[in-house]
Amino acid sequence: MLDVLHRRTRAGRIEVENLSRVPGDACRYLAEKRLDHTLPQSDWEADIRAEFPDWQTDAAVERWPAIKESLHVGQSVTGNVISRAPFGVWLDISVKQPALLLVVNVDGANKKGISFADYPQIGIELTARINALGDKGEIGLTQQNPDRMIEGEEAK
């Protein structure tokens, strides 16, 4: 069992702080190779709330039906990446609600594996299609083929 202390660096990464607590061979290997074992760390929810302060609140859910009426599955949208999460990126598509592009729906994801470093960077403009509209403000996006689109179901 690994019992490792971690710390967040100023660059927002998690680093192994105490290799002496890693048992046996793993500790020796890491110490000898001096490998950079950092994991990307992002406060993705805070990034979203910076753009949409009432995201996932009752007020946001109340205004969702009017927003949802202006959208449809298959609709092409363009927006800027506002947050990166381990499972995908969030975009501001100018509808007062963030939209989620899951990593599996990113263009090229089905051809090769995409690491967090390969995710679109914050501020990048992307074009995608709406593939899901949920009941509580969820907007799902895809850059993949259009047959993966569902309407009226909660986005997952």
N, C-alpha and C. Protein backbone atom coordinates (compact mmCIF):
# COMPACT_ATOMS: atom_id res chain seq x y z
N MET A 1 0.84 -1.19 0.00
CA MET A 1 0.00 0.00 0.00
C MET A 1 0.88 1.24 0.00
N LEU A 2 0.56 2.19 -0.86
CA LEU A 2 1.31 3.44 -0.89
C LEU A 2 0.75 4.39 0.15
N ASP A 3 1.64 4.92 0.94
CA ASP A 3 1.25 5.90 1.94
C ASP A 3 2.14 7.12 1.69
N VAL A 4 1.70 7.97 0.79
CA VAL A 4 2.53 9.06 0.31
C VAL A 4 1.85 10.39 0.64
N LEU A 5 2.62 11.31 1.14
CA LEU A 5 2.11 12.64 1.38
C LEU A 5 2.25 13.44 0.09
N HIS A 6 1.28 14.27 -0.20
CA HIS A 6 1.32 15.09 -1.40
C HIS A 6 1.19 16.54 -1.00
N ARG A 7 1.67 17.40 -1.88
CA ARG A 7 1.47 18.83 -1.67
C ARG A 7 1.18 19.47 -3.01
N ARG A 8 0.48 20.55 -2.96
CA ARG A 8 0.16 21.29 -4.18
C ARG A 8 1.24 22.35 -4.40
N THR A 9 1.77 22.42 -5.60
CA THR A 9 2.79 23.41 -5.92
C THR A 9 2.11 24.68 -6.39
N ARG A 10 2.89 25.73 -6.55
CA ARG A 10 2.34 26.98 -7.06
C ARG A 10 1.81 26.82 -8.48
N ALA A 11 2.35 25.88 -9.22
CA ALA A 11 1.90 25.63 -10.59
C ALA A 11 0.61 24.82 -10.61
N GLY A 12 0.08 24.47 -9.44
CA GLY A 12 -1.17 23.74 -9.38
C GLY A 12 -1.02 22.25 -9.62
N ARG A 13 0.14 21.72 -9.30
CA ARG A 13 0.36 20.29 -9.49
C ARG A 13 0.51 19.62 -8.12
N ILE A 14 0.27 18.34 -8.10
CA ILE A 14 0.46 17.56 -6.89
C ILE A 14 1.82 16.86 -7.01
N GLU A 15 2.65 16.98 -5.98
CA GLU A 15 3.95 16.32 -6.00
C GLU A 15 4.07 15.37 -4.82
N VAL A 16 4.84 14.33 -5.03
CA VAL A 16 5.15 13.42 -3.93
C VAL A 16 6.06 14.19 -2.98
N GLU A 17 5.68 14.26 -1.72
CA GLU A 17 6.44 15.03 -0.75
C GLU A 17 7.38 14.16 0.07
N ASN A 18 7.01 12.92 0.31
CA ASN A 18 7.80 12.11 1.22
C ASN A 18 7.96 10.71 0.64
N LEU A 19 9.01 10.51 -0.15
CA LEU A 19 9.24 9.21 -0.77
C LEU A 19 9.60 8.14 0.25
N SER A 20 10.04 8.55 1.42
CA SER A 20 10.44 7.55 2.41
C SER A 20 9.25 6.72 2.87
N ARG A 21 8.04 7.20 2.64
CA ARG A 21 6.85 6.47 3.06
C ARG A 21 6.34 5.53 1.98
N VAL A 22 6.99 5.54 0.80
CA VAL A 22 6.63 4.60 -0.26
C VAL A 22 7.41 3.32 0.01
N PRO A 23 6.74 2.19 0.08
CA PRO A 23 7.42 0.96 0.48
C PRO A 23 8.39 0.42 -0.57
N GLY A 24 9.44 -0.18 -0.06
CA GLY A 24 10.36 -1.03 -0.80
C GLY A 24 10.87 -0.54 -2.13
N ASP A 25 10.73 -1.42 -3.14
CA ASP A 25 11.29 -1.17 -4.46
C ASP A 25 10.76 0.09 -5.11
N ALA A 26 9.50 0.41 -4.89
CA ALA A 26 8.93 1.61 -5.50
C ALA A 26 9.67 2.85 -5.03
N CYS A 27 9.99 2.92 -3.75
CA CYS A 27 10.71 4.06 -3.21
C CYS A 27 12.10 4.17 -3.83
N ARG A 28 12.81 3.08 -3.88
CA ARG A 28 14.16 3.09 -4.46
C ARG A 28 14.12 3.50 -5.92
N TYR A 29 13.16 2.96 -6.66
CA TYR A 29 13.06 3.28 -8.09
C TYR A 29 12.80 4.77 -8.29
N LEU A 30 11.84 5.32 -7.55
CA LEU A 30 11.51 6.73 -7.68
C LEU A 30 12.69 7.61 -7.28
N ALA A 31 13.35 7.26 -6.21
CA ALA A 31 14.48 8.04 -5.74
C ALA A 31 15.64 7.98 -6.72
N GLU A 32 15.93 6.80 -7.26
CA GLU A 32 17.03 6.66 -8.21
C GLU A 32 16.75 7.40 -9.51
N LYS A 33 15.56 7.30 -10.02
CA LYS A 33 15.22 7.92 -11.31
C LYS A 33 14.89 9.40 -11.17
N ARG A 34 14.58 9.82 -9.94
CA ARG A 34 14.17 11.20 -9.69
C ARG A 34 13.11 11.65 -10.69
N LEU A 35 12.15 10.77 -10.85
CA LEU A 35 11.09 11.03 -11.81
C LEU A 35 10.17 12.13 -11.30
N ASP A 36 9.66 12.90 -12.23
CA ASP A 36 8.70 13.94 -11.89
C ASP A 36 7.33 13.30 -11.84
N HIS A 37 6.90 12.93 -10.66
CA HIS A 37 5.60 12.29 -10.49
C HIS A 37 4.59 13.34 -10.04
N THR A 38 4.19 14.16 -10.99
CA THR A 38 3.21 15.19 -10.69
C THR A 38 1.93 14.88 -11.43
N LEU A 39 0.84 15.22 -10.82
CA LEU A 39 -0.47 15.05 -11.42
C LEU A 39 -1.10 16.41 -11.59
N PRO A 40 -1.78 16.64 -12.70
CA PRO A 40 -2.43 17.94 -12.87
C PRO A 40 -3.52 18.12 -11.82
N GLN A 41 -3.61 19.32 -11.31
CA GLN A 41 -4.62 19.61 -10.30
C GLN A 41 -5.32 20.90 -10.71
N SER A 42 -6.60 20.89 -10.72
CA SER A 42 -7.36 22.07 -11.09
C SER A 42 -8.59 22.15 -10.21
N ASP A 43 -8.92 23.34 -9.82
CA ASP A 43 -10.16 23.54 -9.09
C ASP A 43 -11.21 23.91 -10.13
N TRP A 44 -11.62 22.90 -10.90
CA TRP A 44 -12.48 23.14 -12.04
C TRP A 44 -13.82 23.73 -11.66
N GLU A 45 -14.34 23.37 -10.50
CA GLU A 45 -15.62 23.93 -10.09
C GLU A 45 -15.51 25.44 -9.83
N ALA A 46 -14.41 25.86 -9.24
CA ALA A 46 -14.19 27.29 -8.99
C ALA A 46 -14.05 28.04 -10.31
N ASP A 47 -13.40 27.42 -11.29
CA ASP A 47 -13.28 28.04 -12.61
C ASP A 47 -14.66 28.28 -13.22
N ILE A 48 -15.54 27.30 -13.09
CA ILE A 48 -16.89 27.44 -13.64
C ILE A 48 -17.66 28.53 -12.89
N ARG A 49 -17.57 28.51 -11.56
CA ARG A 49 -18.30 29.50 -10.76
C ARG A 49 -17.78 30.92 -10.98
N ALA A 50 -16.54 31.06 -11.41
CA ALA A 50 -16.02 32.40 -11.73
C ALA A 50 -16.78 32.99 -12.92
N GLU A 51 -17.20 32.15 -13.84
CA GLU A 51 -17.96 32.60 -15.00
C GLU A 51 -19.47 32.55 -14.77
N PHE A 52 -19.91 31.56 -14.00
CA PHE A 52 -21.34 31.32 -13.74
C PHE A 52 -21.54 31.19 -12.23
N PRO A 53 -21.59 32.31 -11.49
CA PRO A 53 -21.65 32.25 -10.02
C PRO A 53 -22.82 31.46 -9.45
N ASP A 54 -23.93 31.39 -10.16
CA ASP A 54 -25.08 30.66 -9.62
C ASP A 54 -25.24 29.27 -10.25
N TRP A 55 -24.19 28.75 -10.84
CA TRP A 55 -24.21 27.41 -11.46
C TRP A 55 -24.68 26.38 -10.44
N GLN A 56 -25.62 25.55 -10.82
CA GLN A 56 -26.19 24.47 -10.02
C GLN A 56 -27.00 24.95 -8.82
N THR A 57 -27.42 26.20 -8.84
CA THR A 57 -28.28 26.71 -7.77
C THR A 57 -29.73 26.62 -8.21
N ASP A 58 -30.64 26.87 -7.27
CA ASP A 58 -32.06 26.88 -7.60
C ASP A 58 -32.38 27.92 -8.68
N ALA A 59 -31.73 29.07 -8.61
CA ALA A 59 -31.97 30.13 -9.60
C ALA A 59 -31.57 29.67 -11.00
N ALA A 60 -30.46 28.97 -11.11
CA ALA A 60 -30.02 28.47 -12.42
C ALA A 60 -30.99 27.41 -12.95
N VAL A 61 -31.46 26.55 -12.06
CA VAL A 61 -32.40 25.50 -12.47
C VAL A 61 -33.73 26.13 -12.91
N GLU A 62 -34.16 27.20 -12.23
CA GLU A 62 -35.42 27.87 -12.58
C GLU A 62 -35.37 28.50 -13.97
N ARG A 63 -34.24 29.06 -14.35
CA ARG A 63 -34.16 29.70 -15.67
C ARG A 63 -33.82 28.69 -16.79
N TRP A 64 -33.49 27.46 -16.43
CA TRP A 64 -33.10 26.46 -17.41
C TRP A 64 -34.15 26.18 -18.49
N PRO A 65 -35.44 26.04 -18.18
CA PRO A 65 -36.41 25.74 -19.23
C PRO A 65 -36.39 26.75 -20.39
N ALA A 66 -36.25 28.03 -20.08
CA ALA A 66 -36.19 29.05 -21.14
C ALA A 66 -34.92 28.91 -21.98
N ILE A 67 -33.82 28.59 -21.32
CA ILE A 67 -32.56 28.39 -22.05
C ILE A 67 -32.67 27.14 -22.92
N LYS A 68 -33.21 26.09 -22.34
CA LYS A 68 -33.33 24.81 -23.06
C LYS A 68 -34.17 24.95 -24.33
N GLU A 69 -35.21 25.80 -24.28
CA GLU A 69 -36.06 26.03 -25.45
C GLU A 69 -35.28 26.60 -26.62
N SER A 70 -34.22 27.34 -26.33
CA SER A 70 -33.43 27.97 -27.40
C SER A 70 -32.36 27.03 -27.98
N LEU A 71 -32.24 25.84 -27.41
CA LEU A 71 -31.21 24.89 -27.84
C LEU A 71 -31.85 23.63 -28.39
N HIS A 72 -31.09 22.88 -29.19
CA HIS A 72 -31.58 21.58 -29.64
C HIS A 72 -30.41 20.65 -29.90
N VAL A 73 -30.66 19.37 -29.68
CA VAL A 73 -29.65 18.34 -29.92
C VAL A 73 -29.27 18.38 -31.40
N GLY A 74 -27.97 18.37 -31.66
CA GLY A 74 -27.46 18.46 -33.02
C GLY A 74 -27.02 19.86 -33.40
N GLN A 75 -27.41 20.84 -32.59
CA GLN A 75 -27.07 22.24 -32.86
C GLN A 75 -25.57 22.45 -32.73
N SER A 76 -24.98 23.13 -33.68
CA SER A 76 -23.56 23.48 -33.62
C SER A 76 -23.39 24.72 -32.74
N VAL A 77 -22.43 24.68 -31.83
CA VAL A 77 -22.15 25.80 -30.94
C VAL A 77 -20.65 26.05 -30.90
N THR A 78 -20.30 27.27 -30.59
CA THR A 78 -18.90 27.66 -30.44
C THR A 78 -18.76 28.34 -29.09
N GLY A 79 -17.69 28.01 -28.40
CA GLY A 79 -17.46 28.63 -27.10
C GLY A 79 -16.03 28.51 -26.66
N ASN A 80 -15.69 29.24 -25.64
CA ASN A 80 -14.34 29.21 -25.08
C ASN A 80 -14.27 28.28 -23.89
N VAL A 81 -13.17 27.56 -23.78
CA VAL A 81 -12.94 26.67 -22.65
C VAL A 81 -12.76 27.54 -21.40
N ILE A 82 -13.55 27.25 -20.37
CA ILE A 82 -13.46 28.01 -19.12
C ILE A 82 -12.92 27.17 -17.97
N SER A 83 -12.91 25.85 -18.15
CA SER A 83 -12.42 24.98 -17.08
C SER A 83 -12.02 23.63 -17.65
N ARG A 84 -11.01 23.03 -17.02
CA ARG A 84 -10.54 21.69 -17.39
C ARG A 84 -10.68 20.79 -16.18
N ALA A 85 -11.37 19.68 -16.37
CA ALA A 85 -11.59 18.70 -15.31
C ALA A 85 -11.01 17.37 -15.77
N PRO A 86 -10.78 16.43 -14.87
CA PRO A 86 -10.22 15.14 -15.27
C PRO A 86 -11.06 14.41 -16.32
N PHE A 87 -12.35 14.72 -16.40
CA PHE A 87 -13.25 14.01 -17.31
C PHE A 87 -13.59 14.78 -18.57
N GLY A 88 -13.15 16.04 -18.70
CA GLY A 88 -13.45 16.83 -19.88
C GLY A 88 -13.24 18.31 -19.66
N VAL A 89 -13.75 19.11 -20.58
CA VAL A 89 -13.62 20.56 -20.48
C VAL A 89 -15.00 21.21 -20.52
N TRP A 90 -15.10 22.33 -19.82
CA TRP A 90 -16.34 23.10 -19.76
C TRP A 90 -16.19 24.31 -20.65
N LEU A 91 -17.24 24.61 -21.41
CA LEU A 91 -17.23 25.74 -22.32
C LEU A 91 -18.31 26.75 -21.97
N ASP A 92 -18.04 28.01 -22.26
CA ASP A 92 -19.05 29.06 -22.21
C ASP A 92 -19.54 29.22 -23.64
N ILE A 93 -20.75 28.75 -23.91
CA ILE A 93 -21.32 28.84 -25.25
C ILE A 93 -22.34 29.98 -25.34
N SER A 94 -22.25 30.93 -24.43
CA SER A 94 -23.07 32.16 -24.41
C SER A 94 -24.57 31.91 -24.23
N VAL A 95 -24.90 30.97 -23.33
CA VAL A 95 -26.32 30.74 -23.01
C VAL A 95 -26.59 30.82 -21.51
N LYS A 96 -25.68 31.44 -20.76
CA LYS A 96 -25.82 31.61 -19.31
C LYS A 96 -25.79 30.29 -18.55
N GLN A 97 -25.17 29.28 -19.15
CA GLN A 97 -25.05 27.95 -18.54
C GLN A 97 -23.80 27.29 -19.15
N PRO A 98 -22.93 26.67 -18.33
CA PRO A 98 -21.75 26.02 -18.90
C PRO A 98 -22.14 24.73 -19.63
N ALA A 99 -21.34 24.37 -20.62
CA ALA A 99 -21.57 23.15 -21.39
C ALA A 99 -20.34 22.25 -21.23
N LEU A 100 -20.59 20.94 -21.13
CA LEU A 100 -19.52 19.98 -20.88
C LEU A 100 -19.19 19.18 -22.13
N LEU A 101 -17.93 19.21 -22.51
CA LEU A 101 -17.40 18.36 -23.58
C LEU A 101 -16.55 17.29 -22.90
N LEU A 102 -17.14 16.09 -22.78
CA LEU A 102 -16.41 14.98 -22.16
C LEU A 102 -15.20 14.62 -23.00
N VAL A 103 -14.14 14.18 -22.37
CA VAL A 103 -12.92 13.84 -23.10
C VAL A 103 -13.17 12.77 -24.16
N VAL A 104 -14.06 11.84 -23.92
CA VAL A 104 -14.35 10.80 -24.92
C VAL A 104 -15.04 11.37 -26.14
N ASN A 105 -15.59 12.58 -26.03
CA ASN A 105 -16.26 13.23 -27.15
C ASN A 105 -15.40 14.29 -27.84
N VAL A 106 -14.16 14.45 -27.40
CA VAL A 106 -13.24 15.39 -28.03
C VAL A 106 -12.79 14.82 -29.37
N ASP A 107 -12.68 15.68 -30.36
CA ASP A 107 -12.24 15.26 -31.69
C ASP A 107 -10.92 14.49 -31.59
N GLY A 108 -10.89 13.31 -32.13
CA GLY A 108 -9.69 12.48 -32.14
C GLY A 108 -9.54 11.55 -30.95
N ALA A 109 -10.41 11.68 -29.96
CA ALA A 109 -10.28 10.85 -28.75
C ALA A 109 -10.47 9.37 -29.05
N ASN A 110 -11.27 9.06 -30.07
CA ASN A 110 -11.51 7.65 -30.37
C ASN A 110 -10.38 7.03 -31.20
N LYS A 111 -9.46 7.84 -31.67
CA LYS A 111 -8.33 7.33 -32.46
C LYS A 111 -7.09 7.10 -31.62
N LYS A 112 -6.95 7.89 -30.56
CA LYS A 112 -5.79 7.75 -29.68
C LYS A 112 -6.19 8.19 -28.28
N GLY A 113 -5.45 7.73 -27.33
CA GLY A 113 -5.70 8.15 -25.96
C GLY A 113 -5.33 9.62 -25.79
N ILE A 114 -6.09 10.31 -24.98
CA ILE A 114 -5.81 11.72 -24.72
C ILE A 114 -5.48 11.87 -23.24
N SER A 115 -4.32 12.43 -22.96
CA SER A 115 -3.93 12.69 -21.57
C SER A 115 -4.43 14.08 -21.18
N PHE A 116 -4.39 14.36 -19.90
CA PHE A 116 -4.83 15.67 -19.41
C PHE A 116 -4.05 16.79 -20.08
N ALA A 117 -2.78 16.57 -20.34
CA ALA A 117 -1.95 17.58 -20.99
C ALA A 117 -2.45 17.90 -22.40
N ASP A 118 -3.14 16.94 -23.03
CA ASP A 118 -3.65 17.13 -24.39
C ASP A 118 -5.03 17.80 -24.42
N TYR A 119 -5.69 17.96 -23.28
CA TYR A 119 -7.00 18.59 -23.25
C TYR A 119 -6.88 20.02 -23.79
N PRO A 120 -7.92 20.53 -24.40
CA PRO A 120 -7.89 21.94 -24.83
C PRO A 120 -7.62 22.87 -23.64
N GLN A 121 -6.81 23.86 -23.86
CA GLN A 121 -6.42 24.80 -22.82
C GLN A 121 -7.53 25.82 -22.55
N ILE A 122 -7.55 26.37 -21.35
CA ILE A 122 -8.51 27.42 -20.99
C ILE A 122 -8.30 28.60 -21.93
N GLY A 123 -9.42 29.13 -22.44
CA GLY A 123 -9.38 30.27 -23.35
C GLY A 123 -9.47 29.88 -24.82
N ILE A 124 -9.19 28.63 -25.14
CA ILE A 124 -9.25 28.16 -26.53
C ILE A 124 -10.70 28.13 -26.99
N GLU A 125 -10.95 28.57 -28.21
CA GLU A 125 -12.29 28.50 -28.78
C GLU A 125 -12.47 27.16 -29.48
N LEU A 126 -13.59 26.50 -29.17
CA LEU A 126 -13.91 25.20 -29.77
C LEU A 126 -15.30 25.25 -30.39
N THR A 127 -15.48 24.43 -31.40
CA THR A 127 -16.80 24.23 -32.00
C THR A 127 -17.19 22.79 -31.74
N ALA A 128 -18.43 22.60 -31.35
CA ALA A 128 -18.95 21.25 -31.06
C ALA A 128 -20.44 21.26 -31.36
N ARG A 129 -21.06 20.10 -31.19
CA ARG A 129 -22.50 19.98 -31.34
C ARG A 129 -23.09 19.56 -30.00
N ILE A 130 -24.28 20.03 -29.74
CA ILE A 130 -24.99 19.61 -28.54
C ILE A 130 -25.43 18.16 -28.74
N ASN A 131 -25.09 17.30 -27.78
CA ASN A 131 -25.51 15.90 -27.88
C ASN A 131 -26.43 15.48 -26.73
N ALA A 132 -26.62 16.35 -25.75
CA ALA A 132 -27.52 16.02 -24.64
C ALA A 132 -27.97 17.30 -23.96
N LEU A 133 -29.25 17.33 -23.61
CA LEU A 133 -29.82 18.42 -22.83
C LEU A 133 -30.55 17.79 -21.65
N GLY A 134 -30.07 18.09 -20.47
CA GLY A 134 -30.66 17.49 -19.28
C GLY A 134 -31.83 18.30 -18.75
N ASP A 135 -32.35 17.87 -17.62
CA ASP A 135 -33.50 18.52 -17.02
C ASP A 135 -33.14 19.59 -16.00
N LYS A 136 -31.87 19.64 -15.59
CA LYS A 136 -31.46 20.58 -14.55
C LYS A 136 -30.32 21.49 -14.99
N GLY A 137 -30.24 21.78 -16.27
CA GLY A 137 -29.24 22.71 -16.75
C GLY A 137 -28.03 22.06 -17.39
N GLU A 138 -28.08 20.76 -17.62
CA GLU A 138 -26.93 20.08 -18.20
C GLU A 138 -26.94 20.23 -19.72
N ILE A 139 -25.79 20.60 -20.25
CA ILE A 139 -25.60 20.68 -21.70
C ILE A 139 -24.39 19.82 -22.03
N GLY A 140 -24.62 18.76 -22.77
CA GLY A 140 -23.53 17.89 -23.18
C GLY A 140 -23.13 18.20 -24.61
N LEU A 141 -21.84 18.16 -24.87
CA LEU A 141 -21.30 18.47 -26.20
C LEU A 141 -20.51 17.30 -26.75
N THR A 142 -20.38 17.29 -28.06
CA THR A 142 -19.54 16.31 -28.72
C THR A 142 -18.89 16.93 -29.96
N GLN A 143 -17.73 16.42 -30.28
CA GLN A 143 -17.08 16.73 -31.55
C GLN A 143 -17.03 15.46 -32.39
N GLN A 144 -17.69 14.40 -31.92
CA GLN A 144 -17.74 13.12 -32.62
C GLN A 144 -18.95 13.09 -33.56
N ASN A 145 -19.20 11.93 -34.15
CA ASN A 145 -20.30 11.81 -35.11
C ASN A 145 -21.66 12.03 -34.44
N PRO A 146 -22.63 12.50 -35.21
CA PRO A 146 -23.91 12.91 -34.63
C PRO A 146 -24.82 11.79 -34.13
N ASP A 147 -24.51 10.52 -34.35
CA ASP A 147 -25.42 9.47 -33.91
C ASP A 147 -25.38 9.23 -32.40
N ARG A 148 -24.53 9.95 -31.67
CA ARG A 148 -24.43 9.79 -30.22
C ARG A 148 -25.22 10.88 -29.49
N MET A 149 -26.33 11.33 -30.05
CA MET A 149 -27.07 12.45 -29.48
C MET A 149 -28.39 12.00 -28.91
N ILE A 150 -28.71 12.51 -27.72
CA ILE A 150 -29.95 12.17 -27.05
C ILE A 150 -30.60 13.44 -26.52
N GLU A 151 -31.89 13.53 -26.64
CA GLU A 151 -32.60 14.71 -26.15
C GLU A 151 -33.59 14.28 -25.08
N GLY A 152 -33.76 15.14 -24.08
CA GLY A 152 -34.74 14.87 -23.05
C GLY A 152 -34.24 13.97 -21.94
N GLU A 153 -33.05 13.42 -22.09
CA GLU A 153 -32.48 12.60 -21.03
C GLU A 153 -31.48 13.46 -20.27
N GLU A 154 -31.30 13.13 -19.02
CA GLU A 154 -30.32 13.85 -18.23
C GLU A 154 -28.94 13.56 -18.77
N ALA A 155 -28.14 14.60 -18.98
CA ALA A 155 -26.77 14.41 -19.49
C ALA A 155 -25.96 13.65 -18.47
N LYS A 156 -25.15 12.72 -18.97
CA LYS A 156 -24.34 11.91 -18.07
C LYS A 156 -22.88 12.08 -18.39
